[in-house]
N, C-alpha and C. Protein backbone atom coordinates (compact mmCIF):
# COMPACT_ATOMS: atom_id res chain seq x y z
N MET A 1 6.80 -11.96 -26.77
CA MET A 1 6.95 -13.08 -25.87
C MET A 1 8.34 -13.06 -25.27
N VAL A 2 8.44 -13.40 -24.02
CA VAL A 2 9.74 -13.46 -23.35
C VAL A 2 10.41 -14.77 -23.71
N GLY A 3 11.65 -14.66 -24.20
CA GLY A 3 12.41 -15.87 -24.51
C GLY A 3 12.86 -16.57 -23.24
N SER A 4 13.28 -15.78 -22.26
CA SER A 4 13.67 -16.33 -20.96
C SER A 4 13.71 -15.19 -19.94
N TYR A 5 13.87 -15.56 -18.69
CA TYR A 5 13.95 -14.59 -17.61
C TYR A 5 15.06 -15.04 -16.69
N ALA A 6 16.04 -14.19 -16.47
CA ALA A 6 17.14 -14.50 -15.56
C ALA A 6 16.79 -13.95 -14.18
N VAL A 7 17.00 -14.73 -13.14
CA VAL A 7 16.69 -14.32 -11.77
C VAL A 7 17.99 -14.26 -10.98
N TYR A 8 18.22 -13.11 -10.29
CA TYR A 8 19.45 -12.89 -9.54
C TYR A 8 19.17 -12.71 -8.06
N GLY A 9 20.14 -13.07 -7.25
CA GLY A 9 20.08 -12.80 -5.83
C GLY A 9 20.56 -11.38 -5.56
N ASP A 10 20.57 -10.97 -4.31
CA ASP A 10 21.00 -9.61 -3.93
C ASP A 10 22.43 -9.32 -4.37
N ASP A 11 23.28 -10.35 -4.43
CA ASP A 11 24.69 -10.14 -4.81
C ASP A 11 24.92 -10.23 -6.31
N GLY A 12 23.86 -10.41 -7.10
CA GLY A 12 23.99 -10.48 -8.55
C GLY A 12 24.23 -11.87 -9.09
N SER A 13 24.39 -12.87 -8.22
CA SER A 13 24.57 -14.25 -8.67
C SER A 13 23.21 -14.87 -8.98
N ASN A 14 23.22 -16.03 -9.64
CA ASN A 14 21.96 -16.72 -9.92
C ASN A 14 21.24 -17.02 -8.62
N CYS A 15 19.94 -16.73 -8.59
CA CYS A 15 19.12 -16.93 -7.40
C CYS A 15 18.74 -18.40 -7.28
N LEU A 16 18.94 -18.97 -6.12
CA LEU A 16 18.63 -20.38 -5.88
C LEU A 16 17.26 -20.50 -5.21
N ASN A 17 16.61 -21.63 -5.42
CA ASN A 17 15.32 -21.90 -4.80
C ASN A 17 15.43 -21.78 -3.29
N GLY A 18 14.59 -20.94 -2.70
CA GLY A 18 14.58 -20.76 -1.26
C GLY A 18 15.52 -19.66 -0.75
N GLN A 19 16.30 -19.07 -1.64
CA GLN A 19 17.24 -18.00 -1.24
C GLN A 19 16.47 -16.73 -0.90
N ALA A 20 16.83 -16.09 0.19
CA ALA A 20 16.19 -14.83 0.60
C ALA A 20 16.66 -13.69 -0.30
N VAL A 21 15.76 -12.78 -0.63
CA VAL A 21 16.08 -11.60 -1.42
C VAL A 21 15.45 -10.39 -0.75
N THR A 22 15.93 -9.20 -1.10
CA THR A 22 15.45 -7.97 -0.50
C THR A 22 14.30 -7.40 -1.34
N LYS A 23 13.17 -7.14 -0.71
CA LYS A 23 12.01 -6.59 -1.40
C LYS A 23 12.37 -5.27 -2.07
N GLY A 24 11.96 -5.13 -3.33
CA GLY A 24 12.17 -3.89 -4.08
C GLY A 24 13.48 -3.83 -4.84
N SER A 25 14.37 -4.78 -4.61
CA SER A 25 15.64 -4.79 -5.34
C SER A 25 15.44 -5.41 -6.72
N VAL A 26 16.35 -5.11 -7.63
CA VAL A 26 16.32 -5.71 -8.96
C VAL A 26 16.77 -7.15 -8.83
N HIS A 27 15.95 -8.07 -9.32
CA HIS A 27 16.27 -9.49 -9.17
C HIS A 27 16.22 -10.26 -10.47
N GLY A 28 16.24 -9.57 -11.59
CA GLY A 28 16.24 -10.33 -12.83
C GLY A 28 16.04 -9.45 -14.03
N GLU A 29 15.97 -10.12 -15.18
CA GLU A 29 15.79 -9.40 -16.43
C GLU A 29 15.09 -10.28 -17.45
N PHE A 30 14.28 -9.65 -18.29
CA PHE A 30 13.68 -10.35 -19.41
C PHE A 30 14.73 -10.49 -20.50
N ARG A 31 14.77 -11.62 -21.15
CA ARG A 31 15.67 -11.83 -22.28
C ARG A 31 14.87 -11.74 -23.56
N PHE A 32 15.53 -11.46 -24.67
CA PHE A 32 14.87 -11.22 -25.95
C PHE A 32 13.80 -12.27 -26.26
N GLY A 33 12.73 -11.79 -26.83
CA GLY A 33 11.63 -12.65 -27.24
C GLY A 33 10.32 -11.88 -27.20
N GLY A 34 10.33 -10.66 -26.72
CA GLY A 34 9.11 -9.85 -26.64
C GLY A 34 8.93 -9.34 -25.24
N SER A 35 7.69 -9.24 -24.79
CA SER A 35 7.44 -8.76 -23.43
C SER A 35 6.24 -9.49 -22.84
N THR A 36 6.20 -9.53 -21.53
CA THR A 36 5.11 -10.16 -20.81
C THR A 36 5.16 -9.66 -19.37
N VAL A 37 4.27 -10.14 -18.56
CA VAL A 37 4.26 -9.80 -17.13
C VAL A 37 4.58 -11.07 -16.37
N LEU A 38 5.48 -10.96 -15.43
CA LEU A 38 5.85 -12.08 -14.59
C LEU A 38 5.32 -11.81 -13.19
N THR A 39 4.50 -12.71 -12.66
CA THR A 39 3.92 -12.54 -11.34
C THR A 39 4.46 -13.62 -10.42
N LEU A 40 4.98 -13.22 -9.27
CA LEU A 40 5.55 -14.16 -8.31
C LEU A 40 4.64 -14.25 -7.10
N PHE A 41 4.47 -15.47 -6.59
CA PHE A 41 3.63 -15.71 -5.42
C PHE A 41 4.43 -16.45 -4.37
N GLU A 42 4.09 -16.25 -3.11
CA GLU A 42 4.72 -17.02 -2.04
C GLU A 42 4.33 -18.49 -2.22
N PRO A 43 5.25 -19.41 -1.94
CA PRO A 43 4.94 -20.84 -2.08
C PRO A 43 3.71 -21.24 -1.27
N GLY A 44 2.82 -22.00 -1.88
CA GLY A 44 1.65 -22.52 -1.19
C GLY A 44 0.49 -21.57 -1.05
N LYS A 45 0.60 -20.34 -1.57
CA LYS A 45 -0.47 -19.35 -1.41
C LYS A 45 -1.48 -19.37 -2.55
N ILE A 46 -1.12 -19.97 -3.69
CA ILE A 46 -1.97 -19.99 -4.88
C ILE A 46 -2.20 -21.43 -5.33
N GLU A 47 -3.43 -21.74 -5.67
CA GLU A 47 -3.73 -23.03 -6.29
C GLU A 47 -3.95 -22.74 -7.78
N PHE A 48 -2.95 -23.11 -8.60
CA PHE A 48 -3.01 -22.81 -10.02
C PHE A 48 -4.02 -23.69 -10.74
N ASP A 49 -4.62 -23.15 -11.81
CA ASP A 49 -5.58 -23.90 -12.60
C ASP A 49 -4.91 -25.09 -13.28
N GLU A 50 -5.70 -26.14 -13.50
CA GLU A 50 -5.21 -27.41 -14.01
C GLU A 50 -4.45 -27.28 -15.34
N ASP A 51 -4.93 -26.41 -16.25
CA ASP A 51 -4.26 -26.30 -17.56
C ASP A 51 -2.84 -25.76 -17.41
N LEU A 52 -2.63 -24.82 -16.49
CA LEU A 52 -1.29 -24.29 -16.28
C LEU A 52 -0.38 -25.33 -15.66
N VAL A 53 -0.89 -26.07 -14.71
CA VAL A 53 -0.10 -27.11 -14.05
C VAL A 53 0.29 -28.18 -15.07
N LYS A 54 -0.67 -28.60 -15.89
CA LYS A 54 -0.41 -29.63 -16.91
C LYS A 54 0.63 -29.15 -17.91
N ASN A 55 0.48 -27.93 -18.43
CA ASN A 55 1.41 -27.42 -19.43
C ASN A 55 2.79 -27.15 -18.85
N SER A 56 2.86 -26.86 -17.56
CA SER A 56 4.15 -26.59 -16.92
C SER A 56 5.01 -27.84 -16.79
N LYS A 57 4.39 -29.00 -16.88
CA LYS A 57 5.14 -30.26 -16.80
C LYS A 57 5.80 -30.61 -18.12
N HIS A 58 5.48 -29.88 -19.18
CA HIS A 58 6.03 -30.09 -20.52
C HIS A 58 6.46 -28.73 -21.07
N PRO A 59 7.31 -28.72 -22.08
CA PRO A 59 7.69 -27.41 -22.66
C PRO A 59 6.59 -26.84 -23.56
N ILE A 60 5.43 -26.56 -22.96
CA ILE A 60 4.28 -26.05 -23.70
C ILE A 60 3.96 -24.64 -23.20
N GLU A 61 3.89 -23.72 -24.13
CA GLU A 61 3.54 -22.34 -23.80
C GLU A 61 2.03 -22.24 -23.60
N THR A 62 1.59 -21.47 -22.62
CA THR A 62 0.18 -21.26 -22.37
C THR A 62 -0.15 -19.79 -22.62
N LEU A 63 -0.98 -19.51 -23.59
CA LEU A 63 -1.37 -18.13 -23.90
C LEU A 63 -2.37 -17.64 -22.87
N LEU A 64 -2.07 -16.50 -22.27
CA LEU A 64 -2.97 -15.87 -21.31
C LEU A 64 -3.28 -14.47 -21.78
N LYS A 65 -4.53 -14.15 -21.89
CA LYS A 65 -4.95 -12.80 -22.26
C LYS A 65 -5.32 -12.04 -20.99
N VAL A 66 -5.49 -10.74 -21.12
CA VAL A 66 -5.86 -9.90 -19.98
C VAL A 66 -7.12 -10.46 -19.32
N ASN A 67 -7.11 -10.48 -18.00
CA ASN A 67 -8.22 -10.98 -17.18
C ASN A 67 -8.44 -12.49 -17.27
N THR A 68 -7.44 -13.23 -17.77
CA THR A 68 -7.53 -14.68 -17.80
C THR A 68 -7.23 -15.22 -16.40
N ARG A 69 -8.07 -16.10 -15.93
CA ARG A 69 -7.87 -16.71 -14.61
C ARG A 69 -6.66 -17.65 -14.66
N VAL A 70 -5.81 -17.61 -13.63
CA VAL A 70 -4.67 -18.51 -13.54
C VAL A 70 -4.76 -19.43 -12.32
N GLY A 71 -5.68 -19.12 -11.42
CA GLY A 71 -5.84 -19.93 -10.21
C GLY A 71 -6.60 -19.13 -9.17
N GLU A 72 -6.49 -19.61 -7.93
CA GLU A 72 -7.16 -18.88 -6.85
C GLU A 72 -6.31 -18.92 -5.60
N VAL A 73 -6.51 -17.92 -4.76
CA VAL A 73 -5.77 -17.78 -3.53
C VAL A 73 -6.24 -18.84 -2.52
N LYS A 74 -5.29 -19.47 -1.88
CA LYS A 74 -5.61 -20.39 -0.79
C LYS A 74 -5.75 -19.55 0.47
N ILE A 75 -6.91 -19.56 1.08
CA ILE A 75 -7.15 -18.76 2.27
C ILE A 75 -6.94 -19.62 3.51
N ASP A 76 -6.15 -19.11 4.44
CA ASP A 76 -5.90 -19.78 5.70
C ASP A 76 -7.03 -19.38 6.65
N VAL A 77 -8.05 -20.25 6.78
CA VAL A 77 -9.22 -19.91 7.60
C VAL A 77 -8.86 -19.76 9.08
N LYS A 78 -7.73 -20.27 9.51
CA LYS A 78 -7.30 -20.14 10.91
C LYS A 78 -6.97 -18.68 11.24
N ARG A 79 -6.61 -17.89 10.21
CA ARG A 79 -6.25 -16.48 10.44
C ARG A 79 -7.47 -15.62 10.67
N PHE A 80 -8.67 -16.08 10.32
CA PHE A 80 -9.87 -15.24 10.40
C PHE A 80 -10.73 -15.61 11.56
């Protein structure tokens, strides 16, 4: 399990919400606690499942196994 994850901007400083970063650059590191996969989504593109949203409001860990659903993509029907 990941104890924490540090996120950095292009200059190596702490990354702030909304700060632009360069695709493919190193932007963080896992801190001791084990290993996991961290998936990032563009804001507003994913509707997360209720259990994840609920647990995220409290310091509650949510166990996810391989192929566990986490939400669904919001499709912009105007684009099609």
